[in-house]
Protein backbone atom coordinates (compact mmCIF):
# COMPACT_ATOMS: atom_id res chain seq x y z
CA MET A 1 -34.93 -87.66 -81.70
CA ALA A 2 -35.61 -90.40 -79.14
CA ASN A 3 -33.18 -88.82 -76.68
CA GLN A 4 -34.90 -85.45 -77.02
CA LEU A 5 -38.28 -87.02 -76.32
CA ARG A 6 -36.90 -88.89 -73.31
CA GLN A 7 -35.36 -85.66 -72.01
CA ALA A 8 -38.62 -83.75 -72.48
CA ILE A 9 -40.53 -86.43 -70.56
CA GLU A 10 -38.01 -86.31 -67.71
CA ILE A 11 -38.33 -82.51 -67.56
CA MET A 12 -42.14 -82.80 -67.39
CA LYS A 13 -41.88 -85.48 -64.73
CA GLN A 14 -39.58 -83.34 -62.59
CA TYR A 15 -41.90 -80.35 -63.04
CA TYR A 16 -44.89 -82.31 -61.71
CA ILE A 17 -42.85 -83.82 -58.87
CA ASN A 18 -41.71 -80.35 -57.82
CA LYS A 19 -45.32 -79.10 -57.86
CA LEU A 20 -46.37 -82.01 -55.63
CA ILE A 21 -43.45 -81.46 -53.25
CA ASP A 22 -44.33 -77.75 -53.02
CA ALA A 23 -47.94 -78.70 -52.23
CA GLY A 24 -46.78 -81.03 -49.45
CA VAL A 25 -47.95 -84.23 -51.12
CA PHE A 26 -44.43 -85.67 -51.11
CA ASN A 27 -41.23 -84.92 -49.22
CA ALA A 28 -38.11 -84.10 -51.19
CA GLU A 29 -36.53 -87.33 -49.89
CA ASP A 30 -39.37 -89.58 -51.12
CA CYS A 31 -38.55 -92.05 -53.88
CA GLU A 32 -42.21 -92.81 -54.57
CA PRO A 33 -42.95 -89.99 -57.05
CA TYR A 34 -40.06 -91.08 -59.27
CA ASN A 35 -41.74 -94.48 -59.70
CA LEU A 36 -44.95 -92.90 -61.04
CA THR A 37 -45.66 -92.19 -64.68
CA VAL A 38 -45.97 -88.67 -66.08
CA SER A 39 -49.70 -89.26 -66.54
CA GLU A 40 -50.14 -90.31 -62.91
CA LEU A 41 -48.19 -87.28 -61.70
CA GLU A 42 -50.19 -84.97 -63.96
CA MET A 43 -53.49 -86.31 -62.58
CA MET A 44 -52.26 -85.77 -59.02
CA VAL A 45 -51.31 -82.16 -59.83
CA GLN A 46 -54.71 -81.56 -61.44
CA ARG A 47 -56.41 -82.73 -58.23
CA LEU A 48 -54.55 -80.20 -56.09
CA PRO A 49 -56.73 -77.44 -54.70
CA LYS A 50 -56.40 -74.22 -56.64
CA ALA A 51 -54.73 -71.41 -54.71
């Protein structure tokens, strides 16, 4: 169960990182977004202007 939860969190984290990369907030080579928490990434995505 713990491994499934960890995997789900990593999938969510990658989803938010990809959204931020697509929006130009980060470059694909940046290490910074991987050091942020899922909550921090989610807040950054929520602050993106709506298309």
